[in-house]
Every structure is written in structure tokens, then in C-alpha cells.
Amino acid sequence: MTALVRISGLSRVFDVSKPLLNRLIERLPKAMLTAVSDVSLEIEERTVYALVGESGSGKSTIGKMVVGLLPPSEGAVEIDGIDLASETDAKKIDAARSEIQMIFQDPFASLNPRWRVRDIINEPVTARGGKANGLAERLLDQVGLNAADAVKYPHEFSGGQRQRICIARALASQPRMIVCDEPTSALDVSVQAQVLNLMSDLQEEFGLTYLFISHDLTVVQHMADRIGVLYLGRLVEEADADALFETPRHPYTQMLFAAAPKMDGFGREVEPPKGEIPDPISPPSGCAFHPRCPIAIDRCSRERPEMRRVHGTRVACHLAE
């Protein structure tokens, strides 16, 4: 398969300093937060690539850079060979961005409460000057709602129904790729299953590519073809889903899997994860995970491990073997 998305050396730094006057009075330096640090990966067409990790690991930041909502501080995001940050041809940028849509974490916050559902779903088409005759009604049918719901407002629906409206809006412009930023985390478990099954069906029907962002390993195992594990903005492991769940090689991935709830795990004793994610404003030297790693050695605190292949898995760990 060909790669639809190529991410190379991607970094994003945010200036979280106090206002200039406060810094002058208190004699404070600038505070820079590194949300994403030197991430490189490829997403093949018609596959589901999942990004997992604890809160604050940079998953959503990467998703926003992929769709162009945030510019990268360093590195590049190429969509079908076009770098959205450095490309100067406006038509090429517009064409590339029209092939990507996003489903946000909170369905209610991402829907305009003053607009009817028909206008919300049609917006990706009408904003580019296209005609959307009956489009909203057809898409509502496809996502399991009623065409008559097109005249309603977002507050008249449940959480799961609102997320279906978001999916319909994402499909309106006939994208090749959809970035799904924790699309089920705000939903009940039973509704989560319905939405995930719907997304799987739509992927097969339309040949979609998903960048699926989640911290729920059971959802990822159900959806993903390939998985990237993030820690403190760094990609620490990447492998096909089956290989990763069968043989996780990075200590952080092993910790995540050990802490995840299991259906047959009643009565099991699991040691809770040690420590907290370090401050991204002043991250640890060397491997970012070494303060919490049970097998860390002196080299881990001095030298940042590079991503390398170990038995088919890409992993950033000095002791992966």
C-alpha cells in the first residue's frame, strides 16, 4: 500500500510564558512547553493508524497538525506528497485539505448550537461553493439517523446521536482521511460500541483512512491496523496491532498493557504505574521514560534512544532486545 500521510521529524513547541511585564518584574525566563518532539511515521491508505498514550502525551496536538489546525514548529506533514506548511500553491493546499476531515472529542462542543443539523452537515460542501441538494438527509440515513432530523438543532439529540452527526459532517466532503480525536471517550459504553461499528462499516464502504487517537486500549485493539505509542510527545514504539498486543517491547507500552482492565482479570493483582508524567516544560534528559522505568540503566538518563527496528517493531529503547 502507498502512504497517504508522511510525518517526518514533527515537533511542536508552545510558548506558555507569563506576560512580558510579569517576567520583567519577577525576572523569569520564557517557559516553552514541548508538546510533540521529533515524531516520524507513515499512515497507509485505507488503514487505521492509532495513537495511544496517557493524557498529555501529544496525541491531539499531532492530530491538529495533520489536518492543518496547528503549524508545526519543526518537521513536515505531507498529505499525498503535499506539505501543508511549506507548500506555496494555494490550490494544492486547498485540494489536500479537502481530503481530510476531523471528528472531535466532544460532539456537542464541535457543533454550532444555532445551526440546524442540515446546515452543519452541508457546511464542508457549501463553504467551497458546492451544492448540497439532499446531502444531509442521505448522510443522516447512512449514519443511522432519520432524514427528518435534518431540521433539528444539536441540543435535541443524545451524545451518541450528536457524534453520528459529526461523522456525517466529516463524510460530506468525501474525504480520503478522517482524524478521529477520541471520538467515543465522551459516550456511554453501549453507545461507544455502536459508533465504533458504524465507523468500521463506513471505512469499508468508502475506503477511508483513519488516524485514530485514543487512550482506551480495548477500543484501539478493536479498530487499529497499526499502533504508535506516545510518551511525553515522543514516539516510543510502533508496530502492527497484533504484534504490539502480543509482544510489547518498550517498558512504557508494557506498563500501559499491564494497567489496562481485562474481562478475565477479576482478582488479579497488578502493581499500579509508578510516578507521574514529567513536566513537559523541563523534560528529563535522555529517555523521557527513564525516571519511571523499572529496567533503566545509566545510559538511559544520558542518551536519548533512536527509533530502530527490533523483530519487526519500531522501538525507541536501549534495552528493547
Protein backbone atom coordinates (compact mmCIF):
# COMPACT_ATOMS: atom_id res chain seq x y z
CA MET A 1 0.00 0.00 0.00
CA THR A 2 1.03 3.62 -0.54
CA ALA A 3 1.40 6.08 2.32
CA LEU A 4 -1.30 8.76 2.31
CA VAL A 5 0.31 10.67 5.18
CA ARG A 6 4.03 11.02 5.90
CA ILE A 7 5.11 12.70 9.13
CA SER A 8 8.83 13.39 9.46
CA GLY A 9 10.69 14.98 12.38
CA LEU A 10 7.48 16.61 13.64
CA SER A 11 7.78 18.87 16.69
CA ARG A 12 5.53 21.44 18.28
CA VAL A 13 6.59 23.89 20.99
CA PHE A 14 4.17 26.23 22.78
CA ASP A 15 5.17 29.46 24.50
CA VAL A 16 3.47 29.26 27.93
CA SER A 17 5.38 32.17 29.46
CA LYS A 18 3.81 34.76 31.71
CA PRO A 19 3.18 38.18 30.14
CA LEU A 20 6.30 40.23 29.42
CA LEU A 21 5.73 42.70 32.27
CA ASN A 22 5.34 39.90 34.82
CA ARG A 23 8.53 38.25 33.58
CA LEU A 24 10.46 41.53 33.87
CA ILE A 25 9.23 42.19 37.41
CA GLU A 26 9.77 38.60 38.60
CA ARG A 27 12.94 38.16 36.49
CA LEU A 28 11.65 34.96 34.96
CA PRO A 29 12.83 33.37 31.69
CA LYS A 30 10.48 32.29 28.93
CA ALA A 31 8.69 28.98 29.52
CA MET A 32 8.47 26.72 26.45
CA LEU A 33 6.36 23.56 26.50
CA THR A 34 7.35 20.80 24.07
CA ALA A 35 4.09 19.02 23.21
CA VAL A 36 5.49 16.91 20.33
CA SER A 37 9.15 16.05 19.84
CA ASP A 38 10.69 14.61 16.65
CA VAL A 39 7.86 12.23 15.64
CA SER A 40 8.14 10.37 12.33
CA LEU A 41 5.55 7.90 11.00
CA GLU A 42 3.58 6.91 7.90
CA ILE A 43 -0.13 6.17 7.52
CA GLU A 44 -1.01 3.87 4.65
CA GLU A 45 -4.14 4.46 2.63
CA ARG A 46 -7.31 2.59 3.68
CA THR A 47 -5.88 1.62 7.07
CA VAL A 48 -6.49 2.64 10.68
CA TYR A 49 -3.44 4.08 12.44
CA ALA A 50 -3.95 4.55 16.18
CA LEU A 51 -2.03 6.87 18.50
CA VAL A 52 -2.17 5.86 22.17
CA GLY A 53 -0.66 7.21 25.36
CA GLU A 54 -1.51 8.88 28.64
CA SER A 55 -3.15 12.31 28.77
CA GLY A 56 -0.65 14.98 27.82
CA SER A 57 1.42 12.75 25.56
CA GLY A 58 0.76 14.88 22.45
CA LYS A 59 -1.82 12.75 20.62
CA SER A 60 -4.34 15.53 19.91
CA THR A 61 -1.58 18.00 19.01
CA ILE A 62 -0.37 15.65 16.28
CA GLY A 63 -3.94 15.24 15.03
CA LYS A 64 -4.40 19.01 14.77
CA MET A 65 -1.12 19.40 12.89
CA VAL A 66 -2.13 16.67 10.43
CA VAL A 67 -5.35 18.50 9.50
CA GLY A 68 -3.61 21.88 9.43
CA LEU A 69 -5.20 23.44 12.51
CA LEU A 70 -1.74 23.91 14.05
CA PRO A 71 1.51 24.64 12.20
CA PRO A 72 4.50 22.50 13.24
CA SER A 73 7.45 24.15 14.96
CA GLU A 74 9.75 21.75 13.10
CA GLY A 75 9.34 18.87 10.67
CA ALA A 76 6.74 18.25 8.00
CA VAL A 77 3.33 16.68 7.44
CA GLU A 78 2.83 15.52 3.86
CA ILE A 79 -0.67 14.67 2.66
CA ASP A 80 -0.38 12.69 -0.56
CA GLY A 81 3.01 14.31 -1.16
CA ILE A 82 1.96 17.88 -0.32
CA ASP A 83 3.46 19.60 2.74
CA LEU A 84 0.72 21.83 4.14
CA ALA A 85 3.21 24.06 5.99
CA SER A 86 5.71 24.76 3.20
CA GLU A 87 3.61 24.47 0.02
CA THR A 88 3.04 27.85 -1.65
CA ASP A 89 0.43 26.85 -4.24
CA ALA A 90 -2.93 27.71 -2.63
CA LYS A 91 -4.83 25.36 -4.96
CA LYS A 92 -2.69 22.37 -3.96
CA ILE A 93 -3.11 23.19 -0.27
CA ASP A 94 -6.87 23.55 -0.69
CA ALA A 95 -7.07 20.25 -2.57
CA ALA A 96 -5.03 18.43 0.10
CA ARG A 97 -7.01 19.85 3.00
CA SER A 98 -10.33 19.00 1.32
CA GLU A 99 -9.33 15.32 1.54
CA ILE A 100 -9.05 15.45 5.33
CA GLN A 101 -11.76 15.88 7.94
CA MET A 102 -11.78 15.62 11.73
CA ILE A 103 -14.11 14.17 14.34
CA PHE A 104 -13.59 15.94 17.67
CA GLN A 105 -13.69 14.52 21.17
CA ASP A 106 -16.71 16.45 22.44
CA PRO A 107 -19.55 16.23 19.90
CA PHE A 108 -21.65 18.98 21.48
CA ALA A 109 -18.77 21.49 21.65
CA SER A 110 -17.94 20.93 17.97
CA LEU A 111 -21.49 21.57 16.70
CA ASN A 112 -22.87 25.11 16.27
CA PRO A 113 -25.89 25.28 18.63
CA ARG A 114 -27.54 27.99 16.47
CA TRP A 115 -27.48 25.95 13.26
CA ARG A 116 -29.84 23.24 12.13
CA VAL A 117 -28.31 19.83 11.51
CA ARG A 118 -28.78 20.22 7.75
CA ASP A 119 -26.61 23.36 7.69
CA ILE A 120 -23.95 21.75 9.91
CA ILE A 121 -23.58 18.71 7.67
CA ASN A 122 -23.68 20.69 4.44
CA GLU A 123 -21.08 23.26 5.55
CA PRO A 124 -17.94 21.44 4.24
CA VAL A 125 -19.54 21.43 0.78
CA THR A 126 -21.24 24.84 0.71
CA ALA A 127 -18.12 26.56 2.14
CA ARG A 128 -16.31 25.59 -1.09
CA GLY A 129 -19.14 26.76 -3.31
CA GLY A 130 -20.64 23.30 -3.93
CA LYS A 131 -24.30 22.32 -4.00
CA ALA A 132 -25.65 20.06 -1.27
CA ASN A 133 -29.13 19.13 -2.51
CA GLY A 134 -30.38 16.40 -0.18
CA LEU A 135 -26.84 15.60 1.00
CA ALA A 136 -27.55 15.99 4.72
CA GLU A 137 -30.61 13.74 4.53
CA ARG A 138 -28.67 10.98 2.71
CA LEU A 139 -25.78 11.11 5.17
CA LEU A 140 -28.10 11.05 8.18
CA ASP A 141 -29.57 7.82 6.80
CA GLN A 142 -26.09 6.37 6.34
CA VAL A 143 -25.07 7.06 9.94
CA GLY A 144 -28.23 5.52 11.37
CA LEU A 145 -30.35 8.62 11.99
CA ASN A 146 -33.55 9.79 10.33
CA ALA A 147 -33.55 12.16 7.36
CA ALA A 148 -36.27 14.15 9.14
CA ASP A 149 -33.70 15.03 11.84
CA ALA A 150 -32.07 17.49 9.42
CA VAL A 151 -34.33 20.32 10.62
CA LYS A 152 -33.48 19.83 14.31
CA TYR A 153 -30.83 21.54 16.44
CA PRO A 154 -27.89 19.78 18.19
CA HIS A 155 -29.40 20.12 21.69
CA GLU A 156 -32.31 17.89 20.62
CA PHE A 157 -30.05 14.82 20.34
CA SER A 158 -28.26 12.48 22.74
CA GLY A 159 -24.46 12.31 22.94
CA GLY A 160 -24.22 9.28 20.67
CA GLN A 161 -26.57 10.86 18.11
CA ARG A 162 -24.53 14.09 18.14
CA GLN A 163 -21.37 12.10 17.41
CA ARG A 164 -23.17 10.46 14.46
CA ILE A 165 -23.96 13.98 13.19
CA CYS A 166 -20.24 14.81 13.47
CA ILE A 167 -19.42 11.68 11.46
CA ALA A 168 -21.97 12.68 8.81
CA ARG A 169 -20.40 16.16 8.60
CA ALA A 170 -16.96 14.60 8.20
CA LEU A 171 -18.22 12.45 5.32
CA ALA A 172 -19.91 15.34 3.49
CA SER A 173 -16.84 16.43 1.52
CA GLN A 174 -15.98 12.83 0.54
CA PRO A 175 -12.60 12.83 2.32
CA ARG A 176 -9.93 10.18 1.93
CA MET A 177 -8.85 10.51 5.55
CA ILE A 178 -10.54 11.32 8.86
CA VAL A 179 -8.68 12.24 12.05
CA CYS A 180 -10.68 10.84 14.98
CA ASP A 181 -9.72 12.59 18.23
CA GLU A 182 -11.04 10.27 20.95
CA PRO A 183 -14.44 10.09 19.22
CA THR A 184 -16.02 7.80 21.83
CA SER A 185 -14.49 8.95 25.13
CA ALA A 186 -17.49 11.15 26.00
CA LEU A 187 -20.03 8.39 25.28
CA ASP A 188 -21.55 5.54 27.28
CA VAL A 189 -20.02 2.10 26.75
CA SER A 190 -23.02 0.74 24.82
CA VAL A 191 -23.09 3.81 22.57
CA GLN A 192 -19.32 3.57 22.06
CA ALA A 193 -19.75 0.13 20.50
CA GLN A 194 -22.43 1.42 18.11
CA VAL A 195 -20.29 4.37 16.98
CA LEU A 196 -17.17 2.20 16.54
CA ASN A 197 -19.06 -0.38 14.48
CA LEU A 198 -20.50 2.44 12.37
CA MET A 199 -17.02 3.85 11.75
CA SER A 200 -15.73 0.39 10.73
CA ASP A 201 -18.62 -0.05 8.30
CA LEU A 202 -18.08 3.40 6.79
CA GLN A 203 -14.37 2.72 6.36
CA GLU A 204 -15.11 -0.40 4.32
CA GLU A 205 -17.85 1.31 2.30
CA PHE A 206 -15.91 4.48 1.40
CA GLY A 207 -12.31 3.20 1.56
CA LEU A 208 -11.41 5.68 4.32
CA THR A 209 -8.13 6.12 6.16
CA TYR A 210 -8.35 6.86 9.90
CA LEU A 211 -5.87 8.45 12.27
CA PHE A 212 -7.49 7.19 15.47
CA ILE A 213 -6.47 8.96 18.68
CA SER A 214 -7.39 7.22 21.92
CA HIS A 215 -6.21 6.24 25.38
CA ASP A 216 -8.58 3.24 25.52
CA LEU A 217 -6.58 0.14 24.59
CA THR A 218 -9.66 -2.06 24.10
CA VAL A 219 -11.02 0.38 21.51
CA VAL A 220 -7.63 0.55 19.80
CA GLN A 221 -7.33 -3.24 19.67
CA HIS A 222 -10.75 -3.41 18.00
CA MET A 223 -10.10 -0.65 15.45
CA ALA A 224 -6.41 -0.35 14.57
CA ASP A 225 -4.23 -1.93 11.91
CA ARG A 226 -1.09 -0.22 13.19
CA ILE A 227 -0.39 1.49 16.52
CA GLY A 228 2.02 4.21 17.63
CA VAL A 229 2.67 4.67 21.36
CA LEU A 230 3.45 8.21 22.53
CA TYR A 231 5.11 9.29 25.76
CA LEU A 232 5.74 12.94 26.62
CA GLY A 233 5.43 13.92 22.95
CA ARG A 234 7.85 11.23 21.73
CA LEU A 235 7.02 8.14 19.69
CA VAL A 236 8.45 5.25 21.74
CA GLU A 237 7.04 2.22 19.89
CA GLU A 238 5.23 1.43 16.64
CA ALA A 239 4.02 -1.91 15.32
CA ASP A 240 1.10 -3.74 13.74
CA ALA A 241 -1.72 -4.11 16.24
CA ASP A 242 -1.44 -7.89 16.64
CA ALA A 243 2.33 -7.77 17.13
CA LEU A 244 2.12 -4.92 19.64
CA PHE A 245 -0.51 -6.58 21.81
CA GLU A 246 1.26 -9.94 21.64
CA THR A 247 4.81 -8.70 22.32
CA PRO A 248 5.12 -5.10 23.54
CA ARG A 249 8.83 -4.25 23.62
CA HIS A 250 9.02 -0.82 25.26
CA PRO A 251 8.68 -0.75 29.09
CA TYR A 252 6.11 2.05 28.82
CA THR A 253 3.93 0.01 26.43
CA GLN A 254 4.22 -2.96 28.79
CA MET A 255 3.13 -0.73 31.68
CA LEU A 256 0.09 0.51 29.74
CA PHE A 257 -1.00 -3.01 28.86
CA ALA A 258 -0.49 -4.28 32.41
CA ALA A 259 -2.62 -1.46 33.85
CA ALA A 260 -5.47 -1.87 31.33
CA PRO A 261 -8.63 -3.56 32.65
CA LYS A 262 -9.25 -7.11 31.44
CA MET A 263 -12.52 -9.03 31.22
CA ASP A 264 -10.93 -12.14 32.75
CA GLY A 265 -8.82 -10.22 35.24
CA PHE A 266 -11.05 -10.35 38.33
CA GLY A 267 -8.97 -10.75 41.46
CA ARG A 268 -5.66 -10.17 39.71
CA GLU A 269 -3.05 -8.11 41.49
CA VAL A 270 -1.42 -5.51 39.27
CA GLU A 271 1.22 -3.10 40.50
CA PRO A 272 -0.02 0.43 39.69
CA PRO A 273 2.05 2.54 37.29
CA LYS A 274 4.92 4.25 39.07
CA GLY A 275 5.24 8.01 39.13
CA GLU A 276 3.63 10.70 37.00
CA ILE A 277 4.37 12.08 33.54
CA PRO A 278 7.24 14.58 33.93
CA ASP A 279 6.76 18.29 33.33
CA PRO A 280 6.92 18.86 29.54
CA ILE A 281 8.39 22.33 30.18
CA SER A 282 11.51 20.69 31.65
CA PRO A 283 11.53 17.08 30.37
CA PRO A 284 14.11 14.56 31.64
CA SER A 285 17.37 14.12 29.79
CA GLY A 286 17.98 11.01 27.71
CA CYS A 287 14.97 8.72 27.51
CA ALA A 288 11.93 10.63 28.80
CA PHE A 289 10.58 7.46 30.46
CA HIS A 290 13.72 6.61 32.45
CA PRO A 291 12.53 8.14 35.80
CA ARG A 292 9.60 5.66 35.81
CA CYS A 293 11.26 2.73 34.02
CA PRO A 294 11.87 -0.44 36.09
CA ILE A 295 14.82 -1.54 33.91
CA ALA A 296 16.54 1.81 33.32
CA ILE A 297 20.34 1.97 33.30
CA ASP A 298 22.77 4.92 33.44
CA ARG A 299 22.80 5.22 29.64
CA CYS A 300 19.01 5.85 29.64
CA SER A 301 19.41 9.08 31.60
CA ARG A 302 22.22 10.35 29.36
CA GLU A 303 21.34 9.32 25.81
CA ARG A 304 18.01 9.65 24.02
CA PRO A 305 17.26 6.35 22.23
CA GLU A 306 16.60 6.47 18.50
CA MET A 307 13.74 4.62 16.85
CA ARG A 308 15.05 1.33 15.44
CA ARG A 309 13.65 -1.96 14.22
CA VAL A 310 13.61 -4.92 16.60
CA HIS A 311 11.93 -8.05 15.19
CA GLY A 312 9.53 -6.04 13.01
CA THR A 313 8.72 -3.44 15.68
CA ARG A 314 9.99 0.14 15.67
CA VAL A 315 11.00 0.94 19.23
CA ALA A 316 12.97 3.68 21.00
CA CYS A 317 14.62 1.79 23.85
CA HIS A 318 18.25 0.92 24.54
CA LEU A 319 17.17 -2.40 26.09
CA ALA A 320 14.43 -3.44 23.64
CA GLU A 321 16.06 -6.81 22.97
